[in-house]
Protein backbone atom coordinates (compact mmCIF):
# COMPACT_ATOMS: atom_id res chain seq x y z
CA MET A 1 21.07 4.60 -0.05
CA SER A 2 19.82 2.43 2.30
CA TYR A 3 15.81 2.24 2.28
CA LEU A 4 14.76 4.39 5.78
CA PRO A 5 10.91 3.17 6.80
CA GLN A 6 8.44 5.75 7.32
CA VAL A 7 5.17 4.79 10.21
CA VAL A 8 2.27 5.68 8.11
CA GLY A 9 -0.05 4.00 10.21
CA ALA A 10 -0.73 3.44 14.23
CA ARG A 11 -3.05 2.01 16.31
CA HIS A 12 -3.05 0.54 19.68
CA VAL A 13 -4.19 -2.77 20.01
CA SER A 14 -3.80 -3.79 23.86
CA GLY A 15 -0.77 -3.34 26.43
CA PHE A 16 2.04 -1.76 24.91
CA ILE A 17 1.73 -3.12 22.44
CA VAL A 18 1.06 -1.56 18.46
CA SER A 19 -0.38 -1.87 15.24
CA THR A 20 2.23 -0.12 12.89
CA ARG A 21 1.96 -0.39 9.42
CA PHE A 22 4.93 1.59 6.90
CA ASP A 23 5.50 3.15 3.91
CA ASP A 24 6.40 -0.31 1.78
CA GLY A 25 3.07 -1.45 2.96
CA THR A 26 4.65 -3.71 5.51
CA GLU A 27 2.72 -3.74 8.95
CA LYS A 28 3.61 -5.24 12.40
CA GLN A 29 2.32 -5.51 16.03
CA ILE A 30 4.61 -4.28 18.07
CA ASP A 31 5.37 -4.68 21.72
CA VAL A 32 6.82 -1.54 22.18
CA SER A 33 7.62 -2.15 26.30
CA GLN A 34 10.59 -3.86 25.11
CA TRP A 35 12.11 -0.29 24.99
CA PHE A 36 10.97 0.35 28.59
CA LYS A 37 15.04 0.80 29.45
CA GLY A 38 15.98 4.05 31.06
CA PRO A 39 14.11 7.32 33.10
CA VAL A 40 13.05 8.83 29.53
CA PHE A 41 10.58 6.02 29.08
CA GLU A 42 9.21 5.39 32.95
CA PRO A 43 6.42 8.23 31.77
CA LEU A 44 5.16 5.54 29.22
CA LYS A 45 4.68 2.24 31.95
CA ASP A 46 1.47 4.58 32.70
CA PRO A 47 -1.42 3.33 29.93
CA ARG A 48 -2.73 6.48 29.94
CA LEU A 49 0.19 8.10 29.03
CA PHE A 50 1.22 5.26 26.72
CA LYS A 51 -1.96 5.22 24.33
CA LYS A 52 -1.82 9.12 23.81
CA PHE A 53 1.43 7.82 20.90
CA PHE A 54 1.36 9.58 17.36
CA ILE A 55 2.87 10.00 14.20
CA GLU A 56 5.55 12.29 14.32
CA GLY A 57 8.70 12.50 11.49
CA GLY A 58 7.65 9.00 10.38
CA THR A 59 7.72 7.57 13.84
CA LEU A 60 5.69 6.85 17.30
CA ALA A 61 5.73 10.29 19.28
CA TRP A 62 4.71 10.62 22.93
CA PRO A 63 3.85 14.18 24.13
CA ASN A 64 6.49 13.62 27.20
CA GLY A 65 9.18 13.72 24.20
CA VAL A 66 10.16 10.58 24.39
CA ASP A 67 9.95 9.09 20.41
CA ILE A 68 11.13 5.30 18.74
CA ALA A 69 13.74 5.37 15.68
CA PRO A 70 11.61 4.55 12.50
CA GLU A 71 14.33 1.73 11.56
CA ALA A 72 14.08 0.30 14.93
CA LEU A 73 10.87 -0.19 14.91
CA TYR A 74 10.90 -1.81 11.29
CA ALA A 75 13.79 -3.63 12.46
CA SER A 76 11.97 -5.43 15.81
CA ARG A 77 10.31 -8.55 16.03
CA GLU A 78 6.36 -9.17 15.75
CA SER A 79 5.06 -9.39 19.11
CA THR A 80 4.01 -13.27 19.71
CA LYS A 81 1.19 -12.39 22.70
CA LYS A 82 -1.88 -13.52 21.29
CA ARG A 83 -5.23 -11.03 21.55
CA HIS A 84 -7.81 -12.21 23.13
CA ASN A 85 -10.72 -13.71 20.47
CA LYS A 86 -13.95 -12.80 21.64
CA ARG A 87 -15.96 -14.03 18.52
CA MET A 88 -14.11 -16.86 17.99
CA GLU A 89 -14.76 -18.22 21.82
CA ARG A 90 -18.50 -17.20 21.33
CA THR A 91 -18.38 -19.12 18.09
CA ARG A 92 -17.57 -22.19 19.76
CA LYS A 93 -19.52 -21.93 22.86
CA THR A 94 -22.59 -21.87 20.31
CA ARG A 95 -21.29 -25.02 18.12
CA ARG A 96 -21.22 -27.24 21.32
CA SER A 97 -24.15 -26.24 22.77
CA SER A 98 -26.28 -26.87 19.32
């Protein structure tokens, strides 16, 4: 029998990126918009609805009944979009002005 990953933790990062933790300890920042194909995913393009995701049955799910197979989340590549780090920017500015 092969491993079936289970999502055990998730938090919104930015846009459509969700930081996801699996039961084997793997953590990934996943851009969920890669699955936004077809009419069932159309409502998730609204950021307010997108942010209402929750964990159900070991995967990410939304109030409109959409979910994404946990093995698809697990197999996906980590998002390459960089988060803007204000703390780092502030540190650089502080050092320059000293």
